[in-house]
Amino acid sequence: MTFIEFFDKSPIENIISAFAIRPDKIVYVGESKMMKKSVPFYEKFLKSKGISIPMEICPVNKNNLWDVVKKLSAVVEAEDECAFDLTGGEDLLLVAVGIVFQTYRETKKLHMHRFNMRNGTLIDCDNDGEVPFTVSQQLSVEDWVALHGGVVAHRATEGKNVIAMHKEDICRIWDVCKSKPGKWNYQIGILNEFQKYDADTSDPLHVCIKLSYVSAYIKNMRDKLDVLDDLVNALRGTGLVTDVRWTREEISFVYRNAFVKNCVGKAGEILETKILQLAYDMRDKNKSYCSDADRGVFIDWDGVLHESEEKVHDTENEIDVMLMHDLTPVFISCKNGAFDDEELYKLFTVSSRFGGAYAKRILVCSDFSERGEKYPHLAQRARDMGITIIPGVQDLSDEEIKAKLKDAIS
């Protein structure tokens, strides 16, 4: 069967039939310039997934109904059986389909269908009871970014198995963080300021700080030691660090494991990791809610990665957490401290560029509802940009957070 696709600005609408149904051939109908640029890329992308489908282009004057009817008629007459995919395309093109379908329905085998792009299901539009066979379609985060002309330059190293293995560690660190979310960023900053002068280079999990040495480099050290003492005690109380030794000469302790040390390496690390862990845990009936999930996703805008010695200044954006739910890309920004309009703009810009019309945008934060006069302003700006804010995350249970994430995505 030959599929006739009306070329659209949305890459996923152009490729969903090839990806989900695997027809014998696809004929794209639309503007010549854009199709010539994009169709070879679609063929290359599909081949990387083990899918080889002949693709042709049929240029038309989209403002001339009878030119479209003439070109569509020629395609229908040349093929044994055709299916019109009505998912994309402009109104005039769809009018032309109606004319051609009515003209040839008694003499040619013709079908019409469209996809529900939110869940990938197929809708029979001609009510003939025949729906093309569909295969399970799942796109990874990297696939979705590639379809929109970018490339994932790098991302956090933990995979699903690592997150599952360290779920207890994540929960313990999150418990410490959420007990004093307003102080966490400052405390982590102090911790890492001292750890820069770790005197033990033989054991990466053992931290030993010689106070007489660091006093020459750390300003207001006495006040900062109080902050550090508070954090180390909290980490010790949950078993995240052990063998704590605190004297007038030195401070030393041992991290539970490398994963824990990494999670306190940056202030924002734990909230991102917690949201990723919850995303992996989310279920939809008997299957995972997310087909893919990553954090710390750096997207290179032009889709070309350059070596560090090359004098090329790439445009890159980082997404704290990115998920795929069915055919819906979800862009999540995680903020454990204060944020302003710029964060909303950054999230909106990258999600619009690499998510298109189907992108979901979420901002997860701890102190949003406590920000006084700025709250109404930011809330309205977020609504205008289609960003769902999940505030006060430190006061929510895991199940409540997952429920709010699902509500924002559905």
Protein backbone atom coordinates (compact mmCIF):
# COMPACT_ATOMS: atom_id res chain seq x y z
CA MET A 1 0.00 0.00 0.00
CA THR A 2 1.19 3.53 -0.85
CA PHE A 3 0.68 6.23 1.74
CA ILE A 4 0.07 9.81 0.67
CA GLU A 5 1.37 12.24 3.31
CA PHE A 6 0.71 15.95 3.35
CA PHE A 7 3.98 17.56 4.32
CA ASP A 8 3.76 19.48 7.59
CA LYS A 9 6.05 21.65 9.68
CA SER A 10 5.94 19.04 12.43
CA PRO A 11 8.49 16.26 11.75
CA ILE A 12 6.60 13.67 13.78
CA GLU A 13 3.46 14.18 11.69
CA ASN A 14 5.51 13.57 8.54
CA ILE A 15 7.15 10.40 9.80
CA ILE A 16 4.59 8.73 12.05
CA SER A 17 3.12 6.54 9.28
CA ALA A 18 6.54 5.30 8.26
CA PHE A 19 7.47 4.62 11.84
CA ALA A 20 4.24 3.00 12.98
CA ILE A 21 2.74 1.29 9.91
CA ARG A 22 5.67 0.59 7.54
CA PRO A 23 3.83 1.09 4.21
CA ASP A 24 5.31 -0.08 0.89
CA LYS A 25 5.92 3.50 -0.23
CA ILE A 26 5.27 7.06 0.91
CA VAL A 27 4.50 10.00 -1.37
CA TYR A 28 4.87 13.40 0.27
CA VAL A 29 2.71 16.20 -1.07
CA GLY A 30 3.57 19.84 -0.42
CA GLU A 31 6.10 22.59 -1.02
CA SER A 32 9.08 21.37 -3.06
CA LYS A 33 11.89 23.19 -1.21
CA MET A 34 11.05 21.92 2.26
CA MET A 35 10.40 18.35 1.09
CA LYS A 36 13.70 18.15 -0.82
CA LYS A 37 15.51 19.23 2.33
CA SER A 38 13.68 16.99 4.81
CA VAL A 39 12.79 13.73 3.05
CA PRO A 40 16.42 12.52 2.64
CA PHE A 41 16.88 13.13 6.36
CA TYR A 42 13.76 11.08 7.16
CA GLU A 43 15.07 8.21 5.01
CA LYS A 44 18.41 8.32 6.85
CA PHE A 45 16.70 8.46 10.24
CA LEU A 46 14.47 5.48 9.46
CA LYS A 47 17.38 3.42 8.14
CA SER A 48 19.15 3.99 11.46
CA LYS A 49 16.12 2.27 13.01
CA GLY A 50 16.23 -0.62 10.55
CA ILE A 51 13.31 0.71 8.48
CA SER A 52 13.71 1.07 4.72
CA ILE A 53 10.77 2.64 2.87
CA PRO A 54 10.92 4.25 -0.63
CA MET A 55 9.93 7.91 -0.43
CA GLU A 56 8.89 10.23 -3.24
CA ILE A 57 7.87 13.87 -3.33
CA CYS A 58 4.94 15.40 -5.19
CA PRO A 59 5.31 19.21 -5.35
CA VAL A 60 2.06 21.14 -5.56
CA ASN A 61 0.85 24.72 -5.54
CA LYS A 62 -0.84 24.71 -2.13
CA ASN A 63 -2.91 27.76 -3.08
CA ASN A 64 -4.34 26.19 -6.24
CA LEU A 65 -6.98 23.59 -5.42
CA TRP A 66 -7.15 22.14 -8.92
CA ASP A 67 -3.39 21.77 -9.18
CA VAL A 68 -3.50 19.71 -6.00
CA VAL A 69 -6.43 17.63 -7.29
CA LYS A 70 -4.58 16.99 -10.57
CA LYS A 71 -1.36 15.89 -8.83
CA LEU A 72 -3.17 13.68 -6.31
CA SER A 73 -5.20 12.07 -9.10
CA ALA A 74 -1.97 11.20 -10.93
CA VAL A 75 -0.60 9.48 -7.81
CA VAL A 76 -3.82 7.53 -7.25
CA GLU A 77 -3.95 6.37 -10.87
CA ALA A 78 -0.34 5.18 -10.75
CA GLU A 79 -0.74 3.09 -7.58
CA ASP A 80 -2.75 -0.08 -6.92
CA GLU A 81 -3.89 0.94 -3.43
CA CYS A 82 -3.50 4.24 -1.57
CA ALA A 83 -4.13 5.54 1.92
CA PHE A 84 -4.37 9.25 2.65
CA ASP A 85 -2.88 10.21 6.01
CA LEU A 86 -4.88 13.24 7.15
CA THR A 87 -2.78 13.93 10.24
CA GLY A 88 -0.94 16.92 8.79
CA GLY A 89 -1.56 19.28 5.91
CA GLU A 90 -3.44 22.49 5.29
CA ASP A 91 -7.17 22.97 4.73
CA LEU A 92 -7.03 23.33 0.94
CA LEU A 93 -5.07 20.08 0.63
CA LEU A 94 -7.66 18.26 2.70
CA VAL A 95 -10.43 19.64 0.49
CA ALA A 96 -8.57 18.22 -2.51
CA VAL A 97 -8.46 14.80 -0.82
CA GLY A 98 -12.24 14.84 -0.53
CA ILE A 99 -12.62 15.56 -4.22
CA VAL A 100 -10.13 12.87 -5.27
CA PHE A 101 -11.55 10.31 -2.86
CA GLN A 102 -15.08 10.84 -4.16
CA THR A 103 -13.89 10.65 -7.78
CA TYR A 104 -11.97 7.38 -7.44
CA ARG A 105 -13.64 5.53 -4.58
CA GLU A 106 -15.56 3.19 -6.93
CA THR A 107 -12.60 2.37 -9.20
CA LYS A 108 -9.54 2.40 -6.90
CA LYS A 109 -8.79 1.00 -3.46
CA LEU A 110 -8.55 4.13 -1.32
CA HIS A 111 -8.42 4.68 2.44
CA MET A 112 -8.26 7.64 4.80
CA HIS A 113 -6.95 7.72 8.34
CA ARG A 114 -5.35 10.02 10.86
CA PHE A 115 -3.25 9.59 13.98
CA ASN A 116 -3.98 10.72 17.50
CA MET A 117 -0.53 12.17 18.07
CA ARG A 118 -0.86 12.16 21.84
CA ASN A 119 -1.04 8.38 22.10
CA GLY A 120 -0.15 7.11 18.63
CA THR A 121 -3.52 5.47 17.97
CA LEU A 122 -4.99 5.33 14.47
CA ILE A 123 -8.43 6.67 13.53
CA ASP A 124 -10.40 5.28 10.58
CA CYS A 125 -11.66 8.37 8.71
CA ASP A 126 -13.51 6.73 5.81
CA ASN A 127 -15.47 4.29 8.01
CA ASP A 128 -14.66 1.33 5.79
CA GLY A 129 -13.66 -0.72 8.82
CA GLU A 130 -10.14 -1.20 7.49
CA VAL A 131 -7.33 0.24 9.58
CA PRO A 132 -3.70 -0.30 8.55
CA PHE A 133 -1.77 -2.57 10.86
CA THR A 134 0.30 -0.58 13.34
CA VAL A 135 3.40 -1.65 15.20
CA SER A 136 4.41 -0.42 18.64
CA GLN A 137 6.09 2.92 18.18
CA GLN A 138 8.44 4.38 20.75
CA LEU A 139 10.83 7.25 20.30
CA SER A 140 13.73 7.90 22.62
CA VAL A 141 14.75 11.36 23.80
CA GLU A 142 17.63 11.24 21.31
CA ASP A 143 15.27 10.23 18.48
CA TRP A 144 12.92 13.11 19.16
CA VAL A 145 15.71 15.69 19.30
CA ALA A 146 17.24 14.30 16.09
CA LEU A 147 13.90 14.53 14.26
CA HIS A 148 13.84 18.23 15.10
CA GLY A 149 17.33 18.88 13.73
CA GLY A 150 19.37 18.72 16.93
CA VAL A 151 21.54 16.20 18.70
CA VAL A 152 21.96 15.25 22.35
CA ALA A 153 25.55 16.35 22.93
CA HIS A 154 25.79 14.76 26.37
CA ARG A 155 23.70 13.91 29.40
CA ALA A 156 23.95 12.60 32.94
CA THR A 157 25.60 9.19 33.11
CA GLU A 158 23.06 7.34 35.27
CA GLY A 159 20.81 4.90 33.47
CA LYS A 160 17.58 3.37 34.65
CA ASN A 161 19.37 0.49 36.37
CA VAL A 162 21.70 2.83 38.28
CA ILE A 163 18.79 4.96 39.46
CA ALA A 164 16.91 1.84 40.61
CA MET A 165 20.00 0.55 42.41
CA HIS A 166 20.40 3.83 44.31
CA LYS A 167 16.74 4.62 44.97
CA GLU A 168 17.32 4.42 48.73
CA ASP A 169 20.26 6.85 48.48
CA ILE A 170 18.14 9.27 46.45
CA CYS A 171 15.34 9.16 49.01
CA ARG A 172 17.74 9.76 51.90
CA ILE A 173 19.39 12.75 50.23
CA TRP A 174 16.00 14.14 49.22
CA ASP A 175 14.82 13.84 52.84
CA VAL A 176 17.76 15.98 53.97
CA CYS A 177 17.23 18.49 51.16
CA LYS A 178 13.49 18.91 51.57
CA SER A 179 13.73 19.37 55.34
CA LYS A 180 15.45 22.73 54.70
CA PRO A 181 15.03 23.48 50.99
CA GLY A 182 15.84 27.16 51.45
CA LYS A 183 19.23 26.32 52.94
CA TRP A 184 20.18 23.35 50.78
CA ASN A 185 21.75 25.27 47.90
CA TYR A 186 23.84 27.38 50.30
CA GLN A 187 24.89 24.35 52.33
CA ILE A 188 25.97 22.41 49.25
CA GLY A 189 27.93 25.42 48.06
CA ILE A 190 29.81 25.53 51.38
CA LEU A 191 30.40 21.77 51.35
CA ASN A 192 32.00 21.90 47.93
CA GLU A 193 34.00 25.00 48.76
CA PHE A 194 35.71 23.02 51.54
CA GLN A 195 35.97 19.81 49.51
CA LYS A 196 38.09 21.58 46.90
CA TYR A 197 40.90 21.33 49.46
CA ASP A 198 40.47 17.62 50.20
CA ALA A 199 43.84 16.35 51.44
CA ASP A 200 43.13 12.64 50.85
CA THR A 201 43.82 11.80 47.22
CA SER A 202 44.08 8.04 47.74
CA ASP A 203 40.40 7.31 48.51
CA PRO A 204 37.79 9.22 46.46
CA LEU A 205 35.10 8.56 49.08
CA HIS A 206 37.17 9.80 52.01
CA VAL A 207 37.24 13.56 52.54
CA CYS A 208 39.90 15.10 54.79
CA ILE A 209 40.10 18.86 55.20
CA LYS A 210 43.05 20.41 57.03
CA LEU A 211 41.65 23.53 58.66
CA SER A 212 44.96 25.30 59.11
CA TYR A 213 45.53 25.04 55.37
CA VAL A 214 42.07 26.06 54.10
CA SER A 215 41.89 29.04 56.47
CA ALA A 216 44.12 30.94 54.08
CA TYR A 217 41.65 30.45 51.21
CA ILE A 218 38.14 30.43 52.68
CA LYS A 219 36.68 33.74 53.83
CA ASN A 220 34.40 33.87 56.87
CA MET A 221 35.47 30.34 57.66
CA ARG A 222 34.05 30.26 61.17
CA ASP A 223 30.52 31.03 60.00
CA LYS A 224 30.85 28.56 57.14
CA LEU A 225 32.03 25.84 59.50
CA ASP A 226 28.73 26.13 61.36
CA VAL A 227 26.85 25.62 58.11
CA LEU A 228 29.06 22.67 57.17
CA ASP A 229 28.61 21.11 60.61
CA ASP A 230 24.83 21.28 60.26
CA LEU A 231 24.90 19.57 56.85
CA VAL A 232 27.43 16.87 57.75
CA ASN A 233 25.41 15.98 60.84
CA ALA A 234 22.26 15.71 58.73
CA LEU A 235 24.03 13.47 56.22
CA ARG A 236 25.48 11.35 59.02
CA GLY A 237 22.04 11.01 60.62
CA THR A 238 20.72 9.34 57.47
CA GLY A 239 23.79 7.17 56.90
CA LEU A 240 24.97 9.06 53.83
CA VAL A 241 28.36 9.76 55.41
CA THR A 242 30.15 7.77 58.11
CA ASP A 243 33.33 7.92 60.19
CA VAL A 244 32.90 11.63 60.85
CA ARG A 245 35.84 13.18 62.66
CA TRP A 246 35.65 16.84 63.61
CA THR A 247 38.56 18.41 65.51
CA ARG A 248 40.26 21.77 65.70
CA GLU A 249 42.83 20.53 63.20
CA GLU A 250 40.76 18.71 60.61
CA ILE A 251 37.38 17.54 59.38
CA SER A 252 37.03 14.11 57.80
CA PHE A 253 34.24 11.77 56.77
CA VAL A 254 33.50 8.97 54.30
CA TYR A 255 30.70 9.00 51.72
CA ARG A 256 28.40 5.99 51.59
CA ASN A 257 29.25 5.55 47.89
CA ALA A 258 30.25 7.46 44.75
CA PHE A 259 26.63 8.03 43.76
CA VAL A 260 25.95 9.92 47.00
CA LYS A 261 29.08 12.03 46.57
CA ASN A 262 28.02 12.93 43.04
CA CYS A 263 24.49 13.86 44.18
CA VAL A 264 25.86 16.48 46.58
CA GLY A 265 28.38 17.72 44.03
CA LYS A 266 25.98 20.44 42.81
CA ALA A 267 23.05 22.08 44.54
CA GLY A 268 20.49 21.20 41.85
CA GLU A 269 21.59 17.62 41.37
CA ILE A 270 19.28 15.95 43.88
CA LEU A 271 16.00 17.51 42.70
CA GLU A 272 16.76 16.53 39.10
CA THR A 273 17.72 13.01 40.18
CA LYS A 274 14.61 12.68 42.34
CA ILE A 275 12.31 13.70 39.49
CA LEU A 276 14.10 11.26 37.16
CA GLN A 277 13.69 8.46 39.72
CA LEU A 278 9.97 9.22 40.03
CA ALA A 279 9.62 9.30 36.23
CA TYR A 280 11.13 5.82 36.00
CA ASP A 281 8.74 4.63 38.74
CA MET A 282 5.59 6.02 37.09
CA ARG A 283 3.26 3.37 35.68
CA ASP A 284 0.44 3.39 33.13
CA LYS A 285 -1.64 0.29 33.82
CA ASN A 286 0.86 -2.56 33.34
CA LYS A 287 3.66 -0.68 31.63
CA SER A 288 6.07 2.15 32.26
CA TYR A 289 4.50 5.58 31.87
CA CYS A 290 7.66 6.92 30.20
CA SER A 291 9.23 5.13 27.24
CA ASP A 292 12.43 7.08 27.86
CA ALA A 293 13.81 9.54 30.39
CA ASP A 294 17.08 11.43 30.85
CA ARG A 295 18.42 14.25 32.95
CA GLY A 296 21.06 16.87 32.28
CA VAL A 297 20.26 16.68 28.57
CA PHE A 298 22.43 19.09 26.58
CA ILE A 299 20.95 19.73 23.13
CA ASP A 300 23.15 20.98 20.30
CA TRP A 301 20.95 23.09 18.06
CA ASP A 302 22.54 22.50 14.65
CA GLY A 303 22.81 18.74 15.03
CA VAL A 304 26.58 18.75 14.42
CA LEU A 305 29.01 17.98 17.23
CA HIS A 306 32.42 19.61 16.99
CA GLU A 307 35.71 18.66 18.59
CA SER A 308 36.86 20.88 21.45
CA GLU A 309 39.77 22.23 19.40
CA GLU A 310 37.47 23.42 16.64
CA LYS A 311 36.72 27.12 16.79
CA VAL A 312 32.98 26.73 16.48
CA HIS A 313 30.59 28.24 19.01
CA ASP A 314 27.61 25.89 19.13
CA THR A 315 24.26 26.87 20.59
CA GLU A 316 23.45 24.44 23.39
CA ASN A 317 20.68 24.29 25.93
CA GLU A 318 20.38 22.04 28.96
CA ILE A 319 17.11 20.40 29.93
CA ASP A 320 17.10 19.30 33.57
CA VAL A 321 14.85 16.32 32.85
CA MET A 322 13.36 15.20 29.54
CA LEU A 323 10.80 12.41 29.16
CA MET A 324 8.95 10.65 26.37
CA HIS A 325 5.36 9.58 27.11
CA ASP A 326 3.99 7.79 24.05
CA LEU A 327 4.64 10.41 21.34
CA THR A 328 4.66 13.35 23.74
CA PRO A 329 8.00 14.98 24.63
CA VAL A 330 8.10 16.42 28.16
CA PHE A 331 10.57 19.15 29.13
CA ILE A 332 11.05 19.64 32.87
CA SER A 333 12.96 22.40 34.64
CA CYS A 334 13.88 21.73 38.29
CA LYS A 335 14.45 24.68 40.62
CA ASN A 336 15.19 24.16 44.31
CA GLY A 337 15.91 27.86 44.81
CA ALA A 338 14.74 31.20 43.46
CA PHE A 339 14.10 31.72 39.75
CA ASP A 340 12.79 34.47 37.52
CA ASP A 341 11.27 35.10 34.09
CA GLU A 342 14.47 34.04 32.37
CA GLU A 343 14.00 30.43 33.48
CA LEU A 344 10.53 30.40 31.97
CA TYR A 345 11.83 31.83 28.69
CA LYS A 346 14.66 29.28 28.53
CA LEU A 347 12.27 26.39 29.08
CA PHE A 348 9.79 27.76 26.55
CA THR A 349 12.44 28.44 23.89
CA VAL A 350 14.13 25.04 23.89
CA SER A 351 10.86 23.11 24.22
CA SER A 352 9.32 25.02 21.32
CA ARG A 353 12.36 24.43 19.13
CA PHE A 354 12.73 20.73 19.90
CA GLY A 355 9.25 19.76 21.00
CA GLY A 356 6.98 21.52 18.56
CA ALA A 357 3.23 21.62 19.03
CA TYR A 358 3.19 18.45 21.10
CA ALA A 359 5.66 19.51 23.79
CA LYS A 360 4.68 19.55 27.45
CA ARG A 361 6.47 22.02 29.71
CA ILE A 362 6.77 21.61 33.48
CA LEU A 363 8.64 23.58 36.11
CA VAL A 364 9.11 21.73 39.42
CA CYS A 365 10.17 23.96 42.32
CA SER A 366 10.27 24.28 46.09
CA ASP A 367 9.66 27.93 46.99
CA PHE A 368 7.41 29.29 44.23
CA SER A 369 4.35 29.86 46.43
CA GLU A 370 6.42 31.81 48.97
CA ARG A 371 7.72 34.46 46.62
CA GLY A 372 5.31 37.24 47.56
CA GLU A 373 4.50 39.82 44.95
CA LYS A 374 6.39 38.03 42.17
CA TYR A 375 4.15 34.96 42.35
CA PRO A 376 1.12 36.32 40.41
CA HIS A 377 3.40 37.77 37.75
CA LEU A 378 5.38 34.56 37.23
CA ALA A 379 2.28 32.40 37.42
CA GLN A 380 0.58 34.38 34.65
CA ARG A 381 3.73 34.35 32.52
CA ALA A 382 3.98 30.58 32.91
CA ARG A 383 0.34 30.12 31.89
CA ASP A 384 0.92 32.28 28.81
CA MET A 385 3.82 30.02 27.81
CA GLY A 386 1.97 26.78 28.46
CA ILE A 387 4.21 25.91 31.40
CA THR A 388 2.72 23.95 34.29
CA ILE A 389 4.31 24.84 37.62
CA ILE A 390 4.40 22.23 40.37
CA PRO A 391 5.24 24.26 43.51
CA GLY A 392 6.09 23.22 47.04
CA VAL A 393 7.51 19.92 45.87
CA GLN A 394 9.32 19.49 49.21
CA ASP A 395 5.94 19.14 50.94
CA LEU A 396 4.59 16.49 48.57
CA SER A 397 4.86 12.73 48.86
CA ASP A 398 6.30 10.71 45.99
CA GLU A 399 2.83 9.62 44.93
CA GLU A 400 1.56 13.20 44.98
CA ILE A 401 4.46 14.36 42.80
CA LYS A 402 3.86 11.55 40.30
CA ALA A 403 0.15 12.37 40.18
CA LYS A 404 0.89 16.04 39.47
CA LEU A 405 3.39 15.11 36.76
CA LYS A 406 0.80 12.88 35.08
CA ASP A 407 -1.82 15.63 35.27
CA ALA A 408 0.59 18.07 33.61
CA ILE A 409 1.45 15.61 30.83
CA SER A 410 -2.03 14.30 30.04
